[in-house]
Amino acid sequence: MNSLRSRERTQANGAVEVFSKLEDEIHEVISRTATAPRVPQQNDNDKELAASNIGSLLQRVSGTSVHEIEKLIAELQILRDMLQKEAARVQREIVGYAALIQNARRSISTISESLTPRITA
């Protein structure tokens, strides 16, 4: 459980770094387009370039996030299956111990009954 939490923290830190880099790159693209000299014909090209850069950055970040989420879901499904198998095993063990206890009680009762006539005799 601790390893899962530490993995989650590591992945969260990684996501924060990715988003921080994305934010820095967006600021850089915006500052480049804001400080670039304006030529009427290139203005539309700059906007398209900025939109394209931002779009590709968002696709990279969202792709990474989706991939990480899918990995976490797969790991959680594996853990769920493992817990279900472990729960079934524990339940079988409990049933086995219950049967063992019943047999022990019968044995004690039989031994007690066989000793009782000897004590009173």
PDB file of N, CA and C in Angstrom:
ATOM      1  N   MET A   1       0.824  -1.186   0.000  1.00  0.00           N
ATOM      2  CA  MET A   1       0.000   0.000   0.000  1.00  0.00           C
ATOM      3  C   MET A   1       0.870   1.252   0.000  1.00  0.00           C
ATOM      4  N   ASN A   2       1.969   1.211   0.805  1.00  0.00           N
ATOM      5  CA  ASN A   2       2.874   2.352   0.829  1.00  0.00           C
ATOM      6  C   ASN A   2       3.559   2.546  -0.506  1.00  0.00           C
ATOM      7  N   SER A   3       3.900   1.424  -1.162  1.00  0.00           N
ATOM      8  CA  SER A   3       4.549   1.547  -2.471  1.00  0.00           C
ATOM      9  C   SER A   3       3.586   2.151  -3.482  1.00  0.00           C
ATOM     10  N   LEU A   4       2.291   1.824  -3.362  1.00  0.00           N
ATOM     11  CA  LEU A   4       1.296   2.414  -4.257  1.00  0.00           C
ATOM     12  C   LEU A   4       1.189   3.906  -3.999  1.00  0.00           C
ATOM     13  N   ARG A   5       1.186   4.306  -2.735  1.00  0.00           N
ATOM     14  CA  ARG A   5       1.101   5.731  -2.406  1.00  0.00           C
ATOM     15  C   ARG A   5       2.348   6.477  -2.868  1.00  0.00           C
ATOM     16  N   SER A   6       3.521   5.869  -2.681  1.00  0.00           N
ATOM     17  CA  SER A   6       4.746   6.545  -3.123  1.00  0.00           C
ATOM     18  C   SER A   6       4.772   6.643  -4.640  1.00  0.00           C
ATOM     19  N   ARG A   7       4.253   5.620  -5.324  1.00  0.00           N
ATOM     20  CA  ARG A   7       4.149   5.688  -6.781  1.00  0.00           C
ATOM     21  C   ARG A   7       3.193   6.784  -7.199  1.00  0.00           C
ATOM     22  N   GLU A   8       2.070   6.896  -6.468  1.00  0.00           N
ATOM     23  CA  GLU A   8       1.097   7.949  -6.778  1.00  0.00           C
ATOM     24  C   GLU A   8       1.727   9.324  -6.574  1.00  0.00           C
ATOM     25  N   ARG A   9       2.503   9.485  -5.473  1.00  0.00           N
ATOM     26  CA  ARG A   9       3.170  10.761  -5.229  1.00  0.00           C
ATOM     27  C   ARG A   9       4.168  11.065  -6.340  1.00  0.00           C
ATOM     28  N   THR A  10       4.927  10.062  -6.743  1.00  0.00           N
ATOM     29  CA  THR A  10       5.907  10.252  -7.812  1.00  0.00           C
ATOM     30  C   THR A  10       5.215  10.639  -9.108  1.00  0.00           C
ATOM     31  N   GLN A  11       4.111   9.973  -9.410  1.00  0.00           N
ATOM     32  CA  GLN A  11       3.378  10.291 -10.630  1.00  0.00           C
ATOM     33  C   GLN A  11       2.749  11.671 -10.541  1.00  0.00           C
ATOM     34  N   ALA A  12       2.258  12.031  -9.371  1.00  0.00           N
ATOM     35  CA  ALA A  12       1.678  13.367  -9.196  1.00  0.00           C
ATOM     36  C   ALA A  12       2.757  14.432  -9.357  1.00  0.00           C
ATOM     37  N   ASN A  13       3.933  14.177  -8.783  1.00  0.00           N
ATOM     38  CA  ASN A  13       5.045  15.125  -8.942  1.00  0.00           C
ATOM     39  C   ASN A  13       5.436  15.238 -10.411  1.00  0.00           C
ATOM     40  N   GLY A  14       5.440  14.116 -11.111  1.00  0.00           N
ATOM     41  CA  GLY A  14       5.752  14.137 -12.539  1.00  0.00           C
ATOM     42  C   GLY A  14       4.725  14.932 -13.323  1.00  0.00           C
ATOM     43  N   ALA A  15       3.452  14.757 -12.966  1.00  0.00           N
ATOM     44  CA  ALA A  15       2.394  15.509 -13.649  1.00  0.00           C
ATOM     45  C   ALA A  15       2.540  17.002 -13.378  1.00  0.00           C
ATOM     46  N   VAL A  16       2.889  17.353 -12.141  1.00  0.00           N
ATOM     47  CA  VAL A  16       3.094  18.768 -11.807  1.00  0.00           C
ATOM     48  C   VAL A  16       4.240  19.337 -12.635  1.00  0.00           C
ATOM     49  N   GLU A  17       5.314  18.564 -12.771  1.00  0.00           N
ATOM     50  CA  GLU A  17       6.446  19.027 -13.582  1.00  0.00           C
ATOM     51  C   GLU A  17       6.040  19.216 -15.035  1.00  0.00           C
ATOM     52  N   VAL A  18       5.274  18.265 -15.571  1.00  0.00           N
ATOM     53  CA  VAL A  18       4.842  18.359 -16.966  1.00  0.00           C
ATOM     54  C   VAL A  18       3.974  19.588 -17.160  1.00  0.00           C
ATOM     55  N   PHE A  19       3.026  19.795 -16.246  1.00  0.00           N
ATOM     56  CA  PHE A  19       2.158  20.968 -16.365  1.00  0.00           C
ATOM     57  C   PHE A  19       2.940  22.264 -16.182  1.00  0.00           C
ATOM     58  N   SER A  20       3.935  22.247 -15.314  1.00  0.00           N
ATOM     59  CA  SER A  20       4.771  23.423 -15.132  1.00  0.00           C
ATOM     60  C   SER A  20       5.546  23.728 -16.413  1.00  0.00           C
ATOM     61  N   LYS A  21       6.104  22.693 -17.030  1.00  0.00           N
ATOM     62  CA  LYS A  21       6.813  22.884 -18.293  1.00  0.00           C
ATOM     63  C   LYS A  21       5.859  23.392 -19.369  1.00  0.00           C
ATOM     64  N   LEU A  22       4.654  22.819 -19.391  1.00  0.00           N
ATOM     65  CA  LEU A  22       3.653  23.263 -20.360  1.00  0.00           C
ATOM     66  C   LEU A  22       3.334  24.732 -20.160  1.00  0.00           C
ATOM     67  N   GLU A  23       3.150  25.116 -18.918  1.00  0.00           N
ATOM     68  CA  GLU A  23       2.844  26.509 -18.617  1.00  0.00           C
ATOM     69  C   GLU A  23       3.987  27.431 -19.057  1.00  0.00           C
ATOM     70  N   ASP A  24       5.222  27.009 -18.778  1.00  0.00           N
ATOM     71  CA  ASP A  24       6.381  27.794 -19.197  1.00  0.00           C
ATOM     72  C   ASP A  24       6.444  27.921 -20.714  1.00  0.00           C
ATOM     73  N   GLU A  25       6.183  26.815 -21.405  1.00  0.00           N
ATOM     74  CA  GLU A  25       6.229  26.848 -22.863  1.00  0.00           C
ATOM     75  C   GLU A  25       5.106  27.717 -23.433  1.00  0.00           C
ATOM     76  N   ILE A  26       3.938  27.687 -22.816  1.00  0.00           N
ATOM     77  CA  ILE A  26       2.828  28.537 -23.263  1.00  0.00           C
ATOM     78  C   ILE A  26       3.189  30.002 -23.061  1.00  0.00           C
ATOM     79  N   HIS A  27       3.755  30.320 -21.896  1.00  0.00           N
ATOM     80  CA  HIS A  27       4.186  31.698 -21.647  1.00  0.00           C
ATOM     81  C   HIS A  27       5.235  32.136 -22.668  1.00  0.00           C
ATOM     82  N   GLU A  28       6.148  31.215 -22.992  1.00  0.00           N
ATOM     83  CA  GLU A  28       7.191  31.532 -23.968  1.00  0.00           C
ATOM     84  C   GLU A  28       6.582  31.790 -25.340  1.00  0.00           C
ATOM     85  N   VAL A  29       5.642  30.952 -25.750  1.00  0.00           N
ATOM     86  CA  VAL A  29       4.994  31.140 -27.053  1.00  0.00           C
ATOM     87  C   VAL A  29       4.226  32.452 -27.077  1.00  0.00           C
ATOM     88  N   ILE A  30       3.529  32.734 -25.996  1.00  0.00           N
ATOM     89  CA  ILE A  30       2.747  33.970 -25.930  1.00  0.00           C
ATOM     90  C   ILE A  30       3.665  35.182 -25.933  1.00  0.00           C
ATOM     91  N   SER A  31       4.760  35.110 -25.174  1.00  0.00           N
ATOM     92  CA  SER A  31       5.665  36.260 -25.131  1.00  0.00           C
ATOM     93  C   SER A  31       6.354  36.456 -26.478  1.00  0.00           C
ATOM     94  N   ARG A  32       6.687  35.360 -27.179  1.00  0.00           N
ATOM     95  CA  ARG A  32       7.284  35.484 -28.506  1.00  0.00           C
ATOM     96  C   ARG A  32       6.318  36.144 -29.482  1.00  0.00           C
ATOM     97  N   THR A  33       5.060  35.735 -29.427  1.00  0.00           N
ATOM     98  CA  THR A  33       4.086  36.307 -30.360  1.00  0.00           C
ATOM     99  C   THR A  33       3.728  37.725 -29.957  1.00  0.00           C
ATOM    100  N   ALA A  34       3.778  38.016 -28.660  1.00  0.00           N
ATOM    101  CA  ALA A  34       3.434  39.367 -28.206  1.00  0.00           C
ATOM    102  C   ALA A  34       4.556  40.356 -28.502  1.00  0.00           C
ATOM    103  N   THR A  35       5.817  39.912 -28.425  1.00  0.00           N
ATOM    104  CA  THR A  35       6.943  40.813 -28.641  1.00  0.00           C
ATOM    105  C   THR A  35       7.436  40.800 -30.080  1.00  0.00           C
ATOM    106  N   ALA A  36       6.967  39.882 -30.868  1.00  0.00           N
ATOM    107  CA  ALA A  36       7.408  39.819 -32.267  1.00  0.00           C
ATOM    108  C   ALA A  36       6.857  41.011 -33.033  1.00  0.00           C
ATOM    109  N   PRO A  37       7.659  41.566 -33.957  1.00  0.00           N
ATOM    110  CA  PRO A  37       7.159  42.682 -34.757  1.00  0.00           C
ATOM    111  C   PRO A  37       5.966  42.237 -35.591  1.00  0.00           C
ATOM    112  N   ARG A  38       5.012  43.102 -35.685  1.00  0.00           N
ATOM    113  CA  ARG A  38       3.772  42.770 -36.384  1.00  0.00           C
ATOM    114  C   ARG A  38       3.854  43.170 -37.847  1.00  0.00           C
ATOM    115  N   VAL A  39       3.724  42.165 -38.672  1.00  0.00           N
ATOM    116  CA  VAL A  39       3.598  42.393 -40.103  1.00  0.00           C
ATOM    117  C   VAL A  39       2.233  41.856 -40.468  1.00  0.00           C
ATOM    118  N   PRO A  40       1.424  42.627 -41.146  1.00  0.00           N
ATOM    119  CA  PRO A  40       0.050  42.209 -41.390  1.00  0.00           C
ATOM    120  C   PRO A  40      -0.084  40.802 -41.965  1.00  0.00           C
ATOM    121  N   GLN A  41       0.779  40.405 -42.868  1.00  0.00           N
ATOM    122  CA  GLN A  41       0.654  39.090 -43.473  1.00  0.00           C
ATOM    123  C   GLN A  41       1.097  37.993 -42.508  1.00  0.00           C
ATOM    124  N   GLN A  42       2.076  38.260 -41.681  1.00  0.00           N
ATOM    125  CA  GLN A  42       2.596  37.253 -40.768  1.00  0.00           C
ATOM    126  C   GLN A  42       1.768  37.147 -39.495  1.00  0.00           C
ATOM    127  N   ASN A  43       0.929  38.114 -39.193  1.00  0.00           N
ATOM    128  CA  ASN A  43       0.119  38.098 -37.983  1.00  0.00           C
ATOM    129  C   ASN A  43      -0.735  36.838 -37.928  1.00  0.00           C
ATOM    130  N   ASP A  44      -1.388  36.509 -39.017  1.00  0.00           N
ATOM    131  CA  ASP A  44      -2.213  35.308 -39.054  1.00  0.00           C
ATOM    132  C   ASP A  44      -1.341  34.058 -38.925  1.00  0.00           C
ATOM    133  N   ASN A  45      -0.181  34.090 -39.554  1.00  0.00           N
ATOM    134  CA  ASN A  45       0.732  32.946 -39.457  1.00  0.00           C
ATOM    135  C   ASN A  45       1.236  32.764 -38.027  1.00  0.00           C
ATOM    136  N   ASP A  46       1.537  33.883 -37.351  1.00  0.00           N
ATOM    137  CA  ASP A  46       1.982  33.807 -35.955  1.00  0.00           C
ATOM    138  C   ASP A  46       0.894  33.211 -35.073  1.00  0.00           C
ATOM    139  N   LYS A  47      -0.323  33.641 -35.293  1.00  0.00           N
ATOM    140  CA  LYS A  47      -1.438  33.119 -34.485  1.00  0.00           C
ATOM    141  C   LYS A  47      -1.621  31.629 -34.745  1.00  0.00           C
ATOM    142  N   GLU A  48      -1.514  31.239 -36.016  1.00  0.00           N
ATOM    143  CA  GLU A  48      -1.664  29.823 -36.347  1.00  0.00           C
ATOM    144  C   GLU A  48      -0.521  29.010 -35.743  1.00  0.00           C
ATOM    145  N   LEU A  49       0.685  29.568 -35.812  1.00  0.00           N
ATOM    146  CA  LEU A  49       1.848  28.893 -35.234  1.00  0.00           C
ATOM    147  C   LEU A  49       1.700  28.754 -33.724  1.00  0.00           C
ATOM    148  N   ALA A  50       1.280  29.825 -33.063  1.00  0.00           N
ATOM    149  CA  ALA A  50       1.081  29.781 -31.605  1.00  0.00           C
ATOM    150  C   ALA A  50      -0.005  28.777 -31.253  1.00  0.00           C
ATOM    151  N   ALA A  51      -1.097  28.809 -31.996  1.00  0.00           N
ATOM    152  CA  ALA A  51      -2.191  27.862 -31.729  1.00  0.00           C
ATOM    153  C   ALA A  51      -1.723  26.430 -31.962  1.00  0.00           C
ATOM    154  N   SER A  52      -0.937  26.244 -33.010  1.00  0.00           N
ATOM    155  CA  SER A  52      -0.418  24.911 -33.306  1.00  0.00           C
ATOM    156  C   SER A  52       0.518  24.436 -32.199  1.00  0.00           C
ATOM    157  N   ASN A  53       1.412  25.340 -31.751  1.00  0.00           N
ATOM    158  CA  ASN A  53       2.340  24.981 -30.661  1.00  0.00           C
ATOM    159  C   ASN A  53       1.587  24.646 -29.384  1.00  0.00           C
ATOM    160  N   ILE A  54       0.626  25.478 -29.042  1.00  0.00           N
ATOM    161  CA  ILE A  54      -0.162  25.235 -27.826  1.00  0.00           C
ATOM    162  C   ILE A  54      -0.944  23.938 -27.968  1.00  0.00           C
ATOM    163  N   GLY A  55      -1.514  23.728 -29.149  1.00  0.00           N
ATOM    164  CA  GLY A  55      -2.266  22.487 -29.384  1.00  0.00           C
ATOM    165  C   GLY A  55      -1.399  21.260 -29.242  1.00  0.00           C
ATOM    166  N   SER A  56      -0.197  21.308 -29.824  1.00  0.00           N
ATOM    167  CA  SER A  56       0.689  20.143 -29.723  1.00  0.00           C
ATOM    168  C   SER A  56       1.155  19.932 -28.286  1.00  0.00           C
ATOM    169  N   LEU A  57       1.400  21.018 -27.558  1.00  0.00           N
ATOM    170  CA  LEU A  57       1.788  20.890 -26.148  1.00  0.00           C
ATOM    171  C   LEU A  57       0.666  20.258 -25.340  1.00  0.00           C
ATOM    172  N   LEU A  58      -0.544  20.719 -25.576  1.00  0.00           N
ATOM    173  CA  LEU A  58      -1.683  20.158 -24.845  1.00  0.00           C
ATOM    174  C   LEU A  58      -1.880  18.692 -25.183  1.00  0.00           C
ATOM    175  N   GLN A  59      -1.676  18.326 -26.439  1.00  0.00           N
ATOM    176  CA  GLN A  59      -1.809  16.920 -26.826  1.00  0.00           C
ATOM    177  C   GLN A  59      -0.753  16.062 -26.136  1.00  0.00           C
ATOM    178  N   ARG A  60       0.486  16.575 -26.051  1.00  0.00           N
ATOM    179  CA  ARG A  60       1.540  15.815 -25.367  1.00  0.00           C
ATOM    180  C   ARG A  60       1.216  15.636 -23.898  1.00  0.00           C
ATOM    181  N   VAL A  61       0.788  16.710 -23.247  1.00  0.00           N
ATOM    182  CA  VAL A  61       0.495  16.637 -21.817  1.00  0.00           C
ATOM    183  C   VAL A  61      -0.723  15.753 -21.567  1.00  0.00           C
ATOM    184  N   SER A  62      -1.770  15.949 -22.331  1.00  0.00           N
ATOM    185  CA  SER A  62      -2.971  15.137 -22.111  1.00  0.00           C
ATOM    186  C   SER A  62      -2.702  13.686 -22.459  1.00  0.00           C
ATOM    187  N   GLY A  63      -1.884  13.449 -23.490  1.00  0.00           N
ATOM    188  CA  GLY A  63      -1.540  12.069 -23.836  1.00  0.00           C
ATOM    189  C   GLY A  63      -0.786  11.392 -22.715  1.00  0.00           C
ATOM    190  N   THR A  64       0.153  12.114 -22.113  1.00  0.00           N
ATOM    191  CA  THR A  64       0.915  11.573 -20.983  1.00  0.00           C
ATOM    192  C   THR A  64      -0.011  11.325 -19.802  1.00  0.00           C
ATOM    193  N   SER A  65      -0.901  12.273 -19.520  1.00  0.00           N
ATOM    194  CA  SER A  65      -1.823  12.127 -18.393  1.00  0.00           C
ATOM    195  C   SER A  65      -2.756  10.944 -18.607  1.00  0.00           C
ATOM    196  N   VAL A  66      -3.301  10.826 -19.804  1.00  0.00           N
ATOM    197  CA  VAL A  66      -4.207   9.713 -20.101  1.00  0.00           C
ATOM    198  C   VAL A  66      -3.466   8.392 -19.967  1.00  0.00           C
ATOM    199  N   HIS A  67      -2.240   8.352 -20.455  1.00  0.00           N
ATOM    200  CA  HIS A  67      -1.438   7.130 -20.348  1.00  0.00           C
ATOM    201  C   HIS A  67      -1.185   6.775 -18.880  1.00  0.00           C
ATOM    202  N   GLU A  68      -0.861   7.754 -18.071  1.00  0.00           N
ATOM    203  CA  GLU A  68      -0.624   7.513 -16.643  1.00  0.00           C
ATOM    204  C   GLU A  68      -1.903   7.034 -15.954  1.00  0.00           C
ATOM    205  N   ILE A  69      -3.020   7.636 -16.297  1.00  0.00           N
ATOM    206  CA  ILE A  69      -4.303   7.235 -15.707  1.00  0.00           C
ATOM    207  C   ILE A  69      -4.635   5.803 -16.109  1.00  0.00           C
ATOM    208  N   GLU A  70      -4.401   5.458 -17.371  1.00  0.00           N
ATOM    209  CA  GLU A  70      -4.658   4.089 -17.824  1.00  0.00           C
ATOM    210  C   GLU A  70      -3.765   3.093 -17.104  1.00  0.00           C
ATOM    211  N   LYS A  71      -2.497   3.463 -16.867  1.00  0.00           N
ATOM    212  CA  LYS A  71      -1.605   2.591 -16.120  1.00  0.00           C
ATOM    213  C   LYS A  71      -2.107   2.403 -14.686  1.00  0.00           C
ATOM    214  N   LEU A  72      -2.552   3.489 -14.060  1.00  0.00           N
ATOM    215  CA  LEU A  72      -3.071   3.391 -12.690  1.00  0.00           C
ATOM    216  C   LEU A  72      -4.312   2.508 -12.636  1.00  0.00           C
ATOM    217  N   ILE A  73      -5.191   2.666 -13.620  1.00  0.00           N
ATOM    218  CA  ILE A  73      -6.405   1.839 -13.666  1.00  0.00           C
ATOM    219  C   ILE A  73      -6.026   0.371 -13.793  1.00  0.00           C
ATOM    220  N   ALA A  74      -5.073   0.067 -14.673  1.00  0.00           N
ATOM    221  CA  ALA A  74      -4.631  -1.319 -14.845  1.00  0.00           C
ATOM    222  C   ALA A  74      -4.041  -1.867 -13.544  1.00  0.00           C
ATOM    223  N   GLU A  75      -3.216  -1.066 -12.871  1.00  0.00           N
ATOM    224  CA  GLU A  75      -2.634  -1.504 -11.597  1.00  0.00           C
ATOM    225  C   GLU A  75      -3.710  -1.724 -10.545  1.00  0.00           C
ATOM    226  N   LEU A  76      -4.702  -0.839 -10.503  1.00  0.00           N
ATOM    227  CA  LEU A  76      -5.777  -0.992  -9.531  1.00  0.00           C
ATOM    228  C   LEU A  76      -6.613  -2.235  -9.822  1.00  0.00           C
ATOM    229  N   GLN A  77      -6.824  -2.539 -11.092  1.00  0.00           N
ATOM    230  CA  GLN A  77      -7.566  -3.749 -11.440  1.00  0.00           C
ATOM    231  C   GLN A  77      -6.786  -4.991 -11.020  1.00  0.00           C
ATOM    232  N   ILE A  78      -5.478  -4.966 -11.210  1.00  0.00           N
ATOM    233  CA  ILE A  78      -4.642  -6.092 -10.780  1.00  0.00           C
ATOM    234  C   ILE A  78      -4.717  -6.242  -9.257  1.00  0.00           C
ATOM    235  N   LEU A  79      -4.635  -5.116  -8.544  1.00  0.00           N
ATOM    236  CA  LEU A  79      -4.736  -5.161  -7.078  1.00  0.00           C
ATOM    237  C   LEU A  79      -6.100  -5.663  -6.624  1.00  0.00           C
ATOM    238  N   ARG A  80      -7.169  -5.222  -7.322  1.00  0.00           N
ATOM    239  CA  ARG A  80      -8.511  -5.686  -6.971  1.00  0.00           C
ATOM    240  C   ARG A  80      -8.615  -7.194  -7.142  1.00  0.00           C
ATOM    241  N   ASP A  81      -8.114  -7.726  -8.262  1.00  0.00           N
ATOM    242  CA  ASP A  81      -8.147  -9.173  -8.493  1.00  0.00           C
ATOM    243  C   ASP A  81      -7.348  -9.911  -7.426  1.00  0.00           C
ATOM    244  N   MET A  82      -6.188  -9.362  -7.081  1.00  0.00           N
ATOM    245  CA  MET A  82      -5.357  -9.984  -6.055  1.00  0.00           C
ATOM    246  C   MET A  82      -6.090  -9.992  -4.706  1.00  0.00           C
ATOM    247  N   LEU A  83      -6.739  -8.878  -4.364  1.00  0.00           N
ATOM    248  CA  LEU A  83      -7.473  -8.813  -3.093  1.00  0.00           C
ATOM    249  C   LEU A  83      -8.656  -9.779  -3.088  1.00  0.00           C
ATOM    250  N   GLN A  84      -9.337  -9.912  -4.220  1.00  0.00           N
ATOM    251  CA  GLN A  84     -10.456 -10.850  -4.286  1.00  0.00           C
ATOM    252  C   GLN A  84      -9.968 -12.288  -4.110  1.00  0.00           C
ATOM    253  N   LYS A  85      -8.853 -12.620  -4.742  1.00  0.00           N
ATOM    254  CA  LYS A  85      -8.296 -13.972  -4.592  1.00  0.00           C
ATOM    255  C   LYS A  85      -7.851 -14.204  -3.150  1.00  0.00           C
ATOM    256  N   GLU A  86      -7.238 -13.183  -2.570  1.00  0.00           N
ATOM    257  CA  GLU A  86      -6.775 -13.305  -1.185  1.00  0.00           C
ATOM    258  C   GLU A  86      -7.963 -13.438  -0.227  1.00  0.00           C
ATOM    259  N   ALA A  87      -9.033 -12.694  -0.481  1.00  0.00           N
ATOM    260  CA  ALA A  87     -10.235 -12.796   0.355  1.00  0.00           C
ATOM    261  C   ALA A  87     -10.833 -14.201   0.261  1.00  0.00           C
ATOM    262  N   ALA A  88     -10.874 -14.772  -0.939  1.00  0.00           N
ATOM    263  CA  ALA A  88     -11.392 -16.131  -1.105  1.00  0.00           C
ATOM    264  C   ALA A  88     -10.515 -17.137  -0.366  1.00  0.00           C
ATOM    265  N   ARG A  89      -9.184 -16.942  -0.437  1.00  0.00           N
ATOM    266  CA  ARG A  89      -8.262 -17.834   0.268  1.00  0.00           C
ATOM    267  C   ARG A  89      -8.466 -17.756   1.776  1.00  0.00           C
ATOM    268  N   VAL A  90      -8.598 -16.539   2.295  1.00  0.00           N
ATOM    269  CA  VAL A  90      -8.801 -16.357   3.738  1.00  0.00           C
ATOM    270  C   VAL A  90     -10.123 -16.993   4.158  1.00  0.00           C
ATOM    271  N   GLN A  91     -11.152 -16.841   3.322  1.00  0.00           N
ATOM    272  CA  GLN A  91     -12.447 -17.444   3.650  1.00  0.00           C
ATOM    273  C   GLN A  91     -12.322 -18.971   3.694  1.00  0.00           C
ATOM    274  N   ARG A  92     -11.579 -19.554   2.740  1.00  0.00           N
ATOM    275  CA  ARG A  92     -11.378 -21.016   2.760  1.00  0.00           C
ATOM    276  C   ARG A  92     -10.621 -21.436   4.024  1.00  0.00           C
ATOM    277  N   GLU A  93      -9.626 -20.636   4.412  1.00  0.00           N
ATOM    278  CA  GLU A  93      -8.860 -20.944   5.629  1.00  0.00           C
ATOM    279  C   GLU A  93      -9.763 -20.906   6.861  1.00  0.00           C
ATOM    280  N   ILE A  94     -10.639 -19.919   6.923  1.00  0.00           N
ATOM    281  CA  ILE A  94     -11.558 -19.807   8.066  1.00  0.00           C
ATOM    282  C   ILE A  94     -12.479 -21.010   8.124  1.00  0.00           C
ATOM    283  N   VAL A  95     -12.992 -21.422   6.979  1.00  0.00           N
ATOM    284  CA  VAL A  95     -13.866 -22.613   6.933  1.00  0.00           C
ATOM    285  C   VAL A  95     -13.075 -23.839   7.391  1.00  0.00           C
ATOM    286  N   GLY A  96     -11.827 -23.932   6.945  1.00  0.00           N
ATOM    287  CA  GLY A  96     -10.990 -25.058   7.373  1.00  0.00           C
ATOM    288  C   GLY A  96     -10.739 -25.050   8.871  1.00  0.00           C
ATOM    289  N   TYR A  97     -10.464 -23.880   9.436  1.00  0.00           N
ATOM    290  CA  TYR A  97     -10.256 -23.781  10.883  1.00  0.00           C
ATOM    291  C   TYR A  97     -11.538 -24.101  11.653  1.00  0.00           C
ATOM    292  N   ALA A  98     -12.674 -23.681  11.118  1.00  0.00           N
ATOM    293  CA  ALA A  98     -13.954 -23.989  11.778  1.00  0.00           C
ATOM    294  C   ALA A  98     -14.171 -25.501  11.813  1.00  0.00           C
ATOM    295  N   ALA A  99     -13.878 -26.172  10.708  1.00  0.00           N
ATOM    296  CA  ALA A  99     -14.016 -27.634  10.676  1.00  0.00           C
ATOM    297  C   ALA A  99     -13.033 -28.276  11.650  1.00  0.00           C
ATOM    298  N   LEU A 100     -11.817 -27.765  11.714  1.00  0.00           N
ATOM    299  CA  LEU A 100     -10.813 -28.295  12.638  1.00  0.00           C
ATOM    300  C   LEU A 100     -11.265 -28.134  14.089  1.00  0.00           C
ATOM    301  N   ILE A 101     -11.849 -26.985  14.402  1.00  0.00           N
ATOM    302  CA  ILE A 101     -12.341 -26.734  15.762  1.00  0.00           C
ATOM    303  C   ILE A 101     -13.480 -27.695  16.095  1.00  0.00           C
ATOM    304  N   GLN A 102     -14.375 -27.915  15.149  1.00  0.00           N
ATOM    305  CA  GLN A 102     -15.483 -28.847  15.397  1.00  0.00           C
ATOM    306  C   GLN A 102     -14.949 -30.257  15.639  1.00  0.00           C
ATOM    307  N   ASN A 103     -13.977 -30.674  14.845  1.00  0.00           N
ATOM    308  CA  ASN A 103     -13.388 -32.007  15.056  1.00  0.00           C
ATOM    309  C   ASN A 103     -12.689 -32.094  16.407  1.00  0.00           C
ATOM    310  N   ALA A 104     -12.009 -31.005  16.784  1.00  0.00           N
ATOM    311  CA  ALA A 104     -11.340 -30.994  18.085  1.00  0.00           C
ATOM    312  C   ALA A 104     -12.361 -31.086  19.208  1.00  0.00           C
ATOM    313  N   ARG A 105     -13.479 -30.389  19.093  1.00  0.00           N
ATOM    314  CA  ARG A 105     -14.530 -30.463  20.128  1.00  0.00           C
ATOM    315  C   ARG A 105     -15.090 -31.880  20.237  1.00  0.00           C
ATOM    316  N   ARG A 106     -15.326 -32.499  19.073  1.00  0.00           N
ATOM    317  CA  ARG A 106     -15.837 -33.881  19.097  1.00  0.00           C
ATOM    318  C   ARG A 106     -14.823 -34.808  19.769  1.00  0.00           C
ATOM    319  N   SER A 107     -13.549 -34.625  19.441  1.00  0.00           N
ATOM    320  CA  SER A 107     -12.514 -35.465  20.043  1.00  0.00           C
ATOM    321  C   SER A 107     -12.455 -35.251  21.547  1.00  0.00           C
ATOM    322  N   ILE A 108     -12.525 -34.003  21.984  1.00  0.00           N
ATOM    323  CA  ILE A 108     -12.498 -33.700  23.419  1.00  0.00           C
ATOM    324  C   ILE A 108     -13.718 -34.305  24.096  1.00  0.00           C
ATOM    325  N   SER A 109     -14.862 -34.194  23.435  1.00  0.00           N
ATOM    326  CA  SER A 109     -16.092 -34.762  24.007  1.00  0.00           C
ATOM    327  C   SER A 109     -15.979 -36.279  24.128  1.00  0.00           C
ATOM    328  N   THR A 110     -15.458 -36.923  23.099  1.00  0.00           N
ATOM    329  CA  THR A 110     -15.293 -38.383  23.118  1.00  0.00           C
ATOM    330  C   THR A 110     -14.311 -38.784  24.208  1.00  0.00           C
ATOM    331  N   ILE A 111     -13.210 -38.061  24.293  1.00  0.00           N
ATOM    332  CA  ILE A 111     -12.214 -38.367  25.333  1.00  0.00           C
ATOM    333  C   ILE A 111     -12.818 -38.141  26.709  1.00  0.00           C
ATOM    334  N   SER A 112     -13.552 -37.065  26.871  1.00  0.00           N
ATOM    335  CA  SER A 112     -14.177 -36.749  28.155  1.00  0.00           C
ATOM    336  C   SER A 112     -15.199 -37.826  28.549  1.00  0.00           C
ATOM    337  N   GLU A 113     -15.987 -38.284  27.590  1.00  0.00           N
ATOM    338  CA  GLU A 113     -16.968 -39.325  27.869  1.00  0.00           C
ATOM    339  C   GLU A 113     -16.292 -40.653  28.219  1.00  0.00           C
ATOM    340  N   SER A 114     -15.189 -40.925  27.544  1.00  0.00           N
ATOM    341  CA  SER A 114     -14.504 -42.202  27.823  1.00  0.00           C
ATOM    342  C   SER A 114     -13.807 -42.154  29.185  1.00  0.00           C
ATOM    343  N   LEU A 115     -13.405 -40.965  29.657  1.00  0.00           N
ATOM    344  CA  LEU A 115     -12.758 -40.870  30.955  1.00  0.00           C
ATOM    345  C   LEU A 115     -13.756 -40.782  32.105  1.00  0.00           C
ATOM    346  N   THR A 116     -14.944 -40.303  31.850  1.00  0.00           N
ATOM    347  CA  THR A 116     -15.933 -40.112  32.898  1.00  0.00           C
ATOM    348  C   THR A 116     -16.299 -41.431  33.607  1.00  0.00           C
ATOM    349  N   PRO A 117     -16.566 -42.514  32.938  1.00  0.00           N
ATOM    350  CA  PRO A 117     -16.882 -43.767  33.657  1.00  0.00           C
ATOM    351  C   PRO A 117     -15.712 -44.255  34.523  1.00  0.00           C
ATOM    352  N   ARG A 118     -14.514 -44.030  34.159  1.00  0.00           N
ATOM    353  CA  ARG A 118     -13.367 -44.491  34.932  1.00  0.00           C
ATOM    354  C   ARG A 118     -13.248 -43.697  36.233  1.00  0.00           C
ATOM    355  N   ILE A 119     -13.571 -42.444  36.203  1.00  0.00           N
ATOM    356  CA  ILE A 119     -13.465 -41.623  37.409  1.00  0.00           C
ATOM    357  C   ILE A 119     -14.538 -42.027  38.399  1.00  0.00           C
ATOM    358  N   THR A 120     -15.757 -42.281  37.931  1.00  0.00           N
ATOM    359  CA  THR A 120     -16.847 -42.629  38.844  1.00  0.00           C
ATOM    360  C   THR A 120     -16.790 -44.076  39.250  1.00  0.00           C
ATOM    361  N   ALA A 121     -16.086 -44.886  38.593  1.00  0.00           N
ATOM    362  CA  ALA A 121     -16.072 -46.297  38.916  1.00  0.00           C
ATOM    363  C   ALA A 121     -15.155 -46.641  40.029  1.00  0.00           C
TER     364      ALA A 121
END
